[in-house]
């Protein structure tokens, strides 16, 4: 008698069904692990970007208001005493510090990102240029930090040209500092002396508009001593998060961002050297 050693139709259907279930499970596990991998990768990249940009901003913005007319490297084709006084009194450009260029100033963004413009003495600007000064020569540099789309950029200016004490200068331009920047908020630490009962110093955090008003009536008892900078970095995910992210930067209201973004917040308080 001949024995049939093959599979029956029912056995084949059972095997195929089990195989399909296992394949579906494996695919789902792989897909979930792949999404987790991409999320962790994006989170790590944001952390690395934050670890780069925060020290960079600390180093650059802390020089706001720095000036020393006795440095031998300082270009002396103009009155450096007046220049030093201007930079020291205006570490952050607010209001109409440059009357001929009123749009070059720090900006309170309200529903948009803030902008900060600083005065300093340097051999190079934040863009790496020294305009038409000699290599190593110190000059009045004006650095403007702002967000264009989702890119943190810096644009530099020749401060002597903006003040009107120099007739010509070479072209200014901007450079990209960091991408994936969703927002930047800034507060300014202003020190008022002799206001409290015990005559101790008080530090108030204000925005660019308030700082401009303070500078209009500034006295020797008012001084800008620190800057708070908050950056919100974010990358787009292939798979949206379950819920939109609500986040708050400095003293602003919470904002709700799209589910497609994974976010990291970085904040730093920068003490001014000037």
Protein backbone atom coordinates (compact mmCIF):
# COMPACT_ATOMS: atom_id res chain seq x y z
CA UNK A 1 0.00 0.00 0.00
CA UNK A 2 1.37 3.45 -0.98
CA UNK A 3 1.61 6.02 1.83
CA UNK A 4 1.22 9.73 0.93
CA UNK A 5 3.86 11.71 2.92
CA UNK A 6 2.79 15.23 1.70
CA UNK A 7 0.88 17.96 3.57
CA UNK A 8 -2.83 18.25 3.47
CA UNK A 9 -4.50 21.45 2.34
CA UNK A 10 -5.56 22.23 5.91
CA UNK A 11 -2.01 21.80 7.20
CA UNK A 12 -0.70 24.14 4.51
CA UNK A 13 -3.32 26.75 5.41
CA UNK A 14 -2.38 26.50 9.08
CA UNK A 15 1.32 26.94 8.29
CA UNK A 16 0.65 29.90 6.02
CA UNK A 17 -1.57 31.52 8.63
CA UNK A 18 1.03 31.11 11.36
CA UNK A 19 3.75 32.40 9.02
CA UNK A 20 1.67 35.47 8.14
CA UNK A 21 1.03 36.22 11.83
CA UNK A 22 4.72 35.85 12.69
CA UNK A 23 5.74 38.01 9.72
CA UNK A 24 3.28 40.72 10.79
CA UNK A 25 4.62 40.65 14.35
CA UNK A 26 8.22 40.80 13.18
CA UNK A 27 7.42 43.70 10.85
CA UNK A 28 5.67 45.62 13.61
CA UNK A 29 8.52 45.01 16.05
CA UNK A 30 11.07 46.09 13.45
CA UNK A 31 9.03 49.19 12.58
CA UNK A 32 8.64 50.15 16.25
CA UNK A 33 12.35 49.62 16.92
CA UNK A 34 13.25 51.59 13.80
CA UNK A 35 11.03 54.50 14.87
CA UNK A 36 12.56 54.38 18.36
CA UNK A 37 16.04 54.35 16.82
CA UNK A 38 15.26 57.40 14.66
CA UNK A 39 13.71 59.25 17.62
CA UNK A 40 16.71 58.54 19.86
CA UNK A 41 19.06 59.51 17.02
CA UNK A 42 17.26 62.84 16.54
CA UNK A 43 17.25 63.46 20.30
CA UNK A 44 21.00 62.76 20.49
CA UNK A 45 21.72 65.03 17.53
CA UNK A 46 19.74 67.85 19.15
CA UNK A 47 21.72 67.37 22.36
CA UNK A 48 24.99 67.58 20.43
CA UNK A 49 23.84 70.71 18.61
CA UNK A 50 22.85 72.31 21.91
CA UNK A 51 26.21 71.41 23.45
CA UNK A 52 27.88 73.20 20.55
CA UNK A 53 25.77 76.35 20.27
CA UNK A 54 25.39 77.24 23.97
CA UNK A 55 29.15 77.63 24.64
CA UNK A 56 29.45 79.49 21.33
CA UNK A 57 26.78 82.01 22.31
CA UNK A 58 28.25 82.31 25.80
CA UNK A 59 31.65 83.15 24.39
CA UNK A 60 30.34 85.65 21.85
CA UNK A 61 27.57 87.45 23.74
CA UNK A 62 29.59 87.72 26.97
CA UNK A 63 31.89 90.14 25.14
CA UNK A 64 29.04 92.66 24.76
CA UNK A 65 30.15 96.01 26.12
CA UNK A 66 33.81 95.01 26.22
CA UNK A 67 36.21 97.83 25.32
CA UNK A 68 39.71 98.87 26.31
CA UNK A 69 41.17 101.95 24.65
CA UNK A 70 44.64 101.13 26.01
CA UNK A 71 45.09 97.91 24.01
CA UNK A 72 48.03 98.30 21.60
CA UNK A 73 46.21 96.36 18.86
CA UNK A 74 43.33 98.85 18.75
CA UNK A 75 42.96 100.79 15.50
CA UNK A 76 43.35 104.49 16.41
CA UNK A 77 42.20 106.32 13.28
CA UNK A 78 39.29 107.77 15.29
CA UNK A 79 38.70 109.02 18.83
CA UNK A 80 38.94 105.72 20.74
CA UNK A 81 37.89 107.34 24.03
CA UNK A 82 34.47 108.20 22.59
CA UNK A 83 34.23 104.80 20.96
CA UNK A 84 34.97 103.00 24.21
CA UNK A 85 32.40 105.11 26.04
CA UNK A 86 29.75 104.31 23.43
CA UNK A 87 30.39 100.55 23.56
CA UNK A 88 30.46 100.45 27.36
CA UNK A 89 27.18 102.36 27.62
CA UNK A 90 25.52 100.30 24.88
CA UNK A 91 26.61 96.67 25.27
CA UNK A 92 23.33 95.61 23.64
CA UNK A 93 22.01 97.70 20.76
CA UNK A 94 18.48 98.79 21.63
CA UNK A 95 16.15 101.55 20.54
CA UNK A 96 18.00 103.79 18.11
CA UNK A 97 21.62 103.45 19.20
CA UNK A 98 22.57 103.96 15.55
CA UNK A 99 20.37 106.86 14.45
CA UNK A 100 21.21 106.40 10.75
CA UNK A 101 20.39 102.67 10.93
CA UNK A 102 17.34 102.39 13.22
CA UNK A 103 16.50 98.83 12.11
CA UNK A 104 19.80 97.48 13.45
CA UNK A 105 18.77 96.78 17.02
CA UNK A 106 17.72 94.04 19.42
CA UNK A 107 14.10 93.02 18.87
CA UNK A 108 11.39 91.63 21.14
CA UNK A 109 9.73 89.13 18.80
CA UNK A 110 6.40 88.88 20.66
CA UNK A 111 4.91 85.94 18.68
CA UNK A 112 8.20 85.41 16.82
CA UNK A 113 11.80 84.77 17.84
CA UNK A 114 13.79 87.49 19.56
CA UNK A 115 16.90 89.09 18.08
CA UNK A 116 19.98 90.43 19.84
CA UNK A 117 22.59 92.90 18.56
CA UNK A 118 25.74 93.55 20.57
CA UNK A 119 28.63 96.05 20.56
CA UNK A 120 32.14 94.87 21.31
CA UNK A 121 35.81 95.32 20.46
CA UNK A 122 37.26 92.42 18.49
CA UNK A 123 39.75 91.42 15.80
CA UNK A 124 37.01 89.54 13.95
CA UNK A 125 33.22 89.55 13.95
CA UNK A 126 30.89 86.58 14.47
CA UNK A 127 31.04 85.99 10.70
CA UNK A 128 34.83 85.74 10.76
CA UNK A 129 35.44 88.99 8.88
CA UNK A 130 37.59 91.96 9.88
CA UNK A 131 36.20 94.24 7.13
CA UNK A 132 39.02 96.49 5.89
CA UNK A 133 41.07 96.42 9.10
CA UNK A 134 44.47 94.76 9.26
CA UNK A 135 44.75 91.19 10.55
CA UNK A 136 44.94 91.20 14.33
CA UNK A 137 43.81 94.81 14.57
CA UNK A 138 40.98 95.51 17.03
CA UNK A 139 37.92 97.50 15.98
CA UNK A 140 34.29 98.18 16.92
CA UNK A 141 32.34 95.07 15.87
CA UNK A 142 28.55 94.83 15.85
CA UNK A 143 27.13 91.27 15.87
CA UNK A 144 23.48 90.55 15.12
CA UNK A 145 22.03 87.14 16.13
CA UNK A 146 18.64 86.15 14.73
CA UNK A 147 16.60 83.25 13.34
CA UNK A 148 15.80 82.98 9.64
CA UNK A 149 13.23 80.23 9.12
CA UNK A 150 14.71 77.53 11.36
CA UNK A 151 18.33 78.63 11.03
CA UNK A 152 20.21 80.63 13.66
CA UNK A 153 22.29 83.19 11.80
CA UNK A 154 24.72 85.99 12.61
CA UNK A 155 25.24 89.16 10.62
CA UNK A 156 28.08 91.53 11.37
CA UNK A 157 28.62 95.25 10.87
CA UNK A 158 31.46 97.73 11.13
CA UNK A 159 30.49 99.73 14.22
CA UNK A 160 32.46 102.78 13.18
CA UNK A 161 30.54 102.96 9.93
CA UNK A 162 27.21 102.62 11.76
CA UNK A 163 28.16 105.43 14.15
CA UNK A 164 29.02 107.70 11.23
CA UNK A 165 32.68 108.20 12.14
CA UNK A 166 33.83 106.21 9.11
CA UNK A 167 32.69 106.99 5.58
CA UNK A 168 33.08 103.59 3.89
CA UNK A 169 33.33 99.93 4.80
CA UNK A 170 33.41 96.58 3.07
CA UNK A 171 30.23 94.56 2.59
CA UNK A 172 28.64 92.85 5.56
CA UNK A 173 27.06 89.44 5.23
CA UNK A 174 25.50 86.72 7.37
CA UNK A 175 26.56 83.18 8.18
CA UNK A 176 24.60 80.16 9.35
CA UNK A 177 25.40 79.12 12.91
CA UNK A 178 22.93 76.28 13.48
CA UNK A 179 19.92 74.68 11.81
CA UNK A 180 16.81 73.12 13.40
CA UNK A 181 16.25 76.16 15.66
CA UNK A 182 12.51 76.59 16.23
CA UNK A 183 12.66 79.58 18.58
CA UNK A 184 15.00 81.92 20.46
CA UNK A 185 13.92 84.02 23.42
CA UNK A 186 16.08 86.54 25.25
CA UNK A 187 15.89 88.41 28.55
CA UNK A 188 18.19 91.14 29.81
CA UNK A 189 19.38 91.35 33.41
CA UNK A 190 19.39 95.00 34.47
CA UNK A 191 20.87 95.99 37.80
CA UNK A 192 19.30 98.88 39.70
CA UNK A 193 21.32 100.25 42.62
CA UNK A 194 19.93 101.84 45.76
CA UNK A 195 16.27 101.02 45.13
CA UNK A 196 15.58 98.73 48.05
CA UNK A 197 15.41 99.82 51.66
CA UNK A 198 18.77 98.29 52.54
CA UNK A 199 20.40 99.86 49.45
CA UNK A 200 21.38 96.45 48.05
CA UNK A 201 21.51 95.88 44.32
CA UNK A 202 18.47 94.48 42.52
CA UNK A 203 18.46 92.54 39.28
CA UNK A 204 15.41 92.72 37.00
CA UNK A 205 14.86 90.64 33.85
CA UNK A 206 13.35 92.63 30.99
CA UNK A 207 12.78 92.25 27.25
CA UNK A 208 14.32 94.32 24.44
CA UNK A 209 11.50 96.88 24.37
CA UNK A 210 11.75 97.57 28.10
CA UNK A 211 15.55 97.72 27.83
CA UNK A 212 15.25 100.38 25.11
CA UNK A 213 12.98 102.48 27.35
CA UNK A 214 15.39 102.10 30.26
CA UNK A 215 18.32 103.22 28.11
CA UNK A 216 16.48 106.40 27.14
CA UNK A 217 16.58 107.54 30.77
CA UNK A 218 19.63 105.59 31.88
CA UNK A 219 21.76 106.86 34.75
CA UNK A 220 24.91 105.61 36.46
CA UNK A 221 22.67 103.61 38.79
CA UNK A 222 21.43 101.35 35.98
CA UNK A 223 23.60 98.73 34.32
CA UNK A 224 23.05 95.75 32.00
CA UNK A 225 24.99 92.89 33.58
CA UNK A 226 23.63 89.65 32.11
CA UNK A 227 21.65 88.10 29.27
CA UNK A 228 19.41 85.04 29.42
CA UNK A 229 19.20 83.10 26.15
CA UNK A 230 16.78 80.21 25.52
CA UNK A 231 16.89 78.13 22.35
CA UNK A 232 14.32 75.58 21.23
CA UNK A 233 15.79 72.98 18.88
CA UNK A 234 13.56 70.59 16.99
CA UNK A 235 13.69 67.95 14.26
CA UNK A 236 10.91 66.46 12.17
CA UNK A 237 9.93 62.86 12.86
CA UNK A 238 8.66 60.37 10.28
CA UNK A 239 5.98 59.21 12.69
CA UNK A 240 4.18 61.97 14.65
CA UNK A 241 4.13 61.91 18.43
CA UNK A 242 0.91 60.88 20.17
CA UNK A 243 0.37 64.39 21.56
CA UNK A 244 1.60 67.85 20.52
CA UNK A 245 4.35 69.28 22.72
CA UNK A 246 3.71 72.28 24.95
CA UNK A 247 6.81 74.16 25.98
CA UNK A 248 7.71 77.43 27.67
CA UNK A 249 10.81 79.55 27.09
CA UNK A 250 11.88 81.98 29.81
CA UNK A 251 8.97 84.20 30.88
CA UNK A 252 6.84 83.67 27.78
CA UNK A 253 3.53 81.80 27.57
CA UNK A 254 3.46 78.11 26.73
CA UNK A 255 3.43 77.41 23.01
CA UNK A 256 2.07 74.28 21.36
CA UNK A 257 4.17 72.79 18.59
CA UNK A 258 3.30 70.22 15.88
CA UNK A 259 3.28 66.51 16.68
CA UNK A 260 5.89 65.93 13.98
CA UNK A 261 8.60 67.71 15.99
CA UNK A 262 10.88 66.26 18.64
CA UNK A 263 12.19 69.10 20.78
CA UNK A 264 14.96 70.01 23.21
CA UNK A 265 15.21 73.24 25.16
CA UNK A 266 18.50 74.89 26.11
CA UNK A 267 18.88 77.91 28.38
CA UNK A 268 21.92 79.79 29.62
CA UNK A 269 22.62 82.93 31.63
CA UNK A 270 25.49 84.92 30.16
CA UNK A 271 27.36 87.35 32.42
CA UNK A 272 28.71 90.29 30.43
CA UNK A 273 32.44 91.01 30.59
CA UNK A 274 31.90 94.73 30.08
